[in-house]
Protein backbone atom coordinates (compact mmCIF):
# COMPACT_ATOMS: atom_id res chain seq x y z
CA MET A 1 0.00 0.00 0.00
CA THR A 2 1.33 3.42 -0.92
CA ASP A 3 0.97 6.70 0.97
CA LYS A 4 -1.64 7.79 -1.56
CA GLN A 5 -3.71 4.65 -0.96
CA LEU A 6 -3.35 5.16 2.79
CA GLN A 7 -4.55 8.76 2.42
CA GLN A 8 -7.63 7.57 0.54
CA LEU A 9 -8.32 4.87 3.15
CA VAL A 10 -8.06 7.37 6.02
CA GLU A 11 -10.37 9.82 4.24
CA GLN A 12 -12.88 7.03 3.57
CA ILE A 13 -12.83 5.78 7.19
CA SER A 14 -13.20 9.34 8.47
CA LEU A 15 -16.31 9.96 6.38
CA GLU A 16 -17.83 6.54 7.05
CA PHE A 17 -17.32 6.27 10.82
CA PHE A 18 -17.00 9.90 11.96
CA ALA A 19 -19.16 11.63 9.30
CA LYS A 20 -16.45 14.31 9.05
CA PRO A 21 -13.77 14.82 6.40
CA PHE A 22 -10.07 14.26 7.04
CA LYS A 23 -8.37 17.33 5.52
CA HIS A 24 -4.72 16.68 6.38
CA GLN A 25 -1.96 14.22 5.44
CA ALA A 26 -1.72 10.55 6.41
CA THR A 27 1.57 8.80 5.65
CA PHE A 28 3.50 5.69 6.57
CA ASN A 29 6.41 6.34 8.93
CA SER A 30 8.91 3.49 9.13
CA ARG A 31 10.69 5.13 12.09
CA LEU A 32 7.78 4.19 14.36
CA LYS A 33 8.84 1.05 16.22
CA THR A 34 6.65 0.48 19.28
CA THR A 35 3.49 2.38 18.36
CA GLY A 36 0.83 1.75 15.75
CA GLY A 37 0.44 5.37 14.73
CA ARG A 38 0.90 8.97 15.79
CA TYR A 39 -1.29 12.06 15.59
CA HIS A 40 0.63 15.35 15.37
CA LEU A 41 -1.06 18.11 17.37
CA ALA A 42 0.69 20.97 15.57
CA SER A 43 0.20 19.90 11.95
CA HIS A 44 -2.85 17.59 12.41
CA ASN A 45 -1.13 14.96 10.26
CA ILE A 46 -1.22 11.24 11.03
CA ASP A 47 1.70 8.81 10.78
CA ILE A 48 1.03 5.07 10.57
CA ASN A 49 3.55 2.34 11.31
CA PRO A 50 3.89 0.27 8.09
CA LEU A 51 4.37 -2.86 10.21
CA MET A 52 0.68 -2.64 11.14
CA LEU A 53 -0.06 -3.69 7.57
CA THR A 54 2.85 -6.01 6.80
CA GLU A 55 2.91 -7.97 10.09
CA PHE A 56 -0.80 -7.88 10.90
CA SER A 57 -4.16 -7.92 9.12
CA ARG A 58 -5.90 -5.07 7.29
CA GLU A 59 -8.50 -5.00 10.10
CA ASN A 60 -5.71 -4.18 12.55
CA LEU A 61 -4.55 -1.31 10.32
CA ILE A 62 -8.11 0.03 10.18
CA GLY A 63 -8.34 -0.17 14.00
CA VAL A 64 -5.15 1.88 14.34
CA ILE A 65 -6.43 4.44 11.81
CA LYS A 66 -9.70 4.77 13.77
CA HIS A 67 -7.67 5.30 16.96
CA GLU A 68 -5.66 8.13 15.39
CA LEU A 69 -8.79 9.65 13.84
CA CYS A 70 -10.34 9.78 17.32
CA HIS A 71 -7.40 11.93 18.43
CA TYR A 72 -7.75 14.02 15.26
CA HIS A 73 -11.49 14.75 15.44
CA LEU A 74 -11.57 15.33 19.20
CA HIS A 75 -8.60 17.71 19.03
CA LEU A 76 -10.15 19.72 16.20
CA ALA A 77 -13.44 19.89 18.13
CA GLY A 78 -11.61 21.29 21.17
CA ALA A 79 -12.42 18.26 23.33
CA PRO A 80 -9.84 16.36 25.40
CA SER A 81 -8.15 13.90 23.09
CA ASN A 82 -5.77 12.09 25.44
CA HIS A 83 -6.06 8.34 26.03
CA ARG A 84 -7.55 8.55 29.50
CA SER A 85 -10.33 11.07 28.77
CA LYS A 86 -13.86 9.72 28.80
CA GLU A 87 -14.62 11.46 25.48
CA PHE A 88 -11.77 9.61 23.79
CA LYS A 89 -12.73 6.25 25.29
CA SER A 90 -16.40 6.59 24.36
CA LEU A 91 -15.66 7.72 20.78
CA LEU A 92 -13.14 4.91 20.32
CA LEU A 93 -15.71 2.38 21.54
CA ALA A 94 -18.42 3.87 19.29
CA VAL A 95 -16.33 3.58 16.11
CA GLY A 96 -14.66 0.27 17.04
CA GLY A 97 -11.07 1.43 17.03
CA SER A 98 -8.10 -0.32 18.62
CA ARG A 99 -7.29 0.69 22.19
CA TYR A 100 -3.75 -0.73 21.90
CA ALA A 101 -1.60 -1.63 18.93
CA PRO A 102 -0.09 -5.14 18.96
CA LYS A 103 3.61 -5.63 19.63
CA THR A 104 5.69 -5.50 16.46
CA SER A 105 8.86 -7.41 15.65
CA LYS A 106 10.86 -4.16 16.01
CA ALA A 107 9.79 -3.56 19.63
CA LYS A 108 12.52 -4.10 22.18
CA PRO A 109 12.06 -6.99 24.60
CA SER A 110 11.20 -5.97 28.14
CA ALA A 111 14.11 -5.49 30.52
CA LYS A 112 15.20 -8.29 32.82
CA LEU A 113 14.25 -7.62 36.45
CA HIS A 114 16.23 -8.34 39.60
CA HIS A 115 14.12 -9.32 42.60
CA TYR A 116 15.05 -8.33 46.17
CA ARG A 117 13.44 -9.04 49.54
CA CYS A 118 13.91 -7.28 52.87
CA LEU A 119 15.11 -9.72 55.52
CA ASP A 120 13.26 -7.87 58.30
CA CYS A 121 9.81 -6.93 56.97
CA GLY A 122 9.62 -9.06 53.79
CA GLN A 123 9.03 -6.11 51.45
CA ARG A 124 9.73 -7.05 47.81
CA TYR A 125 11.55 -4.87 45.31
CA ASP A 126 11.89 -5.39 41.54
CA ARG A 127 14.66 -3.42 39.83
CA GLN A 128 16.18 -3.37 36.36
CA ARG A 129 19.67 -2.67 37.67
CA LEU A 130 21.60 -4.57 40.27
CA VAL A 131 21.51 -2.92 43.70
CA ASN A 132 24.51 -2.83 46.01
CA THR A 133 22.96 -4.63 49.02
CA THR A 134 25.76 -3.54 51.35
CA LYS A 135 25.07 0.12 50.62
CA TYR A 136 21.26 0.26 50.13
CA ARG A 137 18.58 -0.77 52.63
CA CYS A 138 14.83 -1.31 52.67
CA GLY A 139 12.87 1.91 52.19
CA LYS A 140 10.18 0.77 54.59
CA CYS A 141 12.09 -0.46 57.67
CA HIS A 142 15.78 0.06 56.77
CA GLY A 143 16.38 -3.69 56.94
CA LYS A 144 19.01 -5.56 54.96
CA LEU A 145 18.14 -6.48 51.33
CA GLN A 146 18.71 -9.92 49.86
CA LEU A 147 18.83 -10.76 46.13
CA ILE A 148 16.18 -13.41 45.44
CA SER A 149 16.69 -13.87 41.70
CA ALA A 150 18.57 -12.08 38.97
């Protein structure tokens, strides 16, 4: 799919599901790695991760486009368009857009965690970096920390 075909698809989805025209640019952006798409507040343009089409189905791509169009139309209407606003959630549910984009092959694997336990109170701590247990203590009771698993 080309950028021109994507533009036509976004315009069609906007008219069909939102009953409003999409008057800006929609393009594929191969620099997006962990997100399905991005709505630009300043220019009102939409970027779509091309992996949403190549690694997943067309329905998934349409769900991501609906998600970005929710941001677009709410922002232009002056309503809150962030993910946690009730307006965004209700509009997304009404049009059937994707709440989250699936993990792509380019996404980094999650960091390995080191698990610690306080010897006095039993408080557990999960950290990405190793902690010097001779220098640092429990934040709750100042007890000695013990590495459970790395």
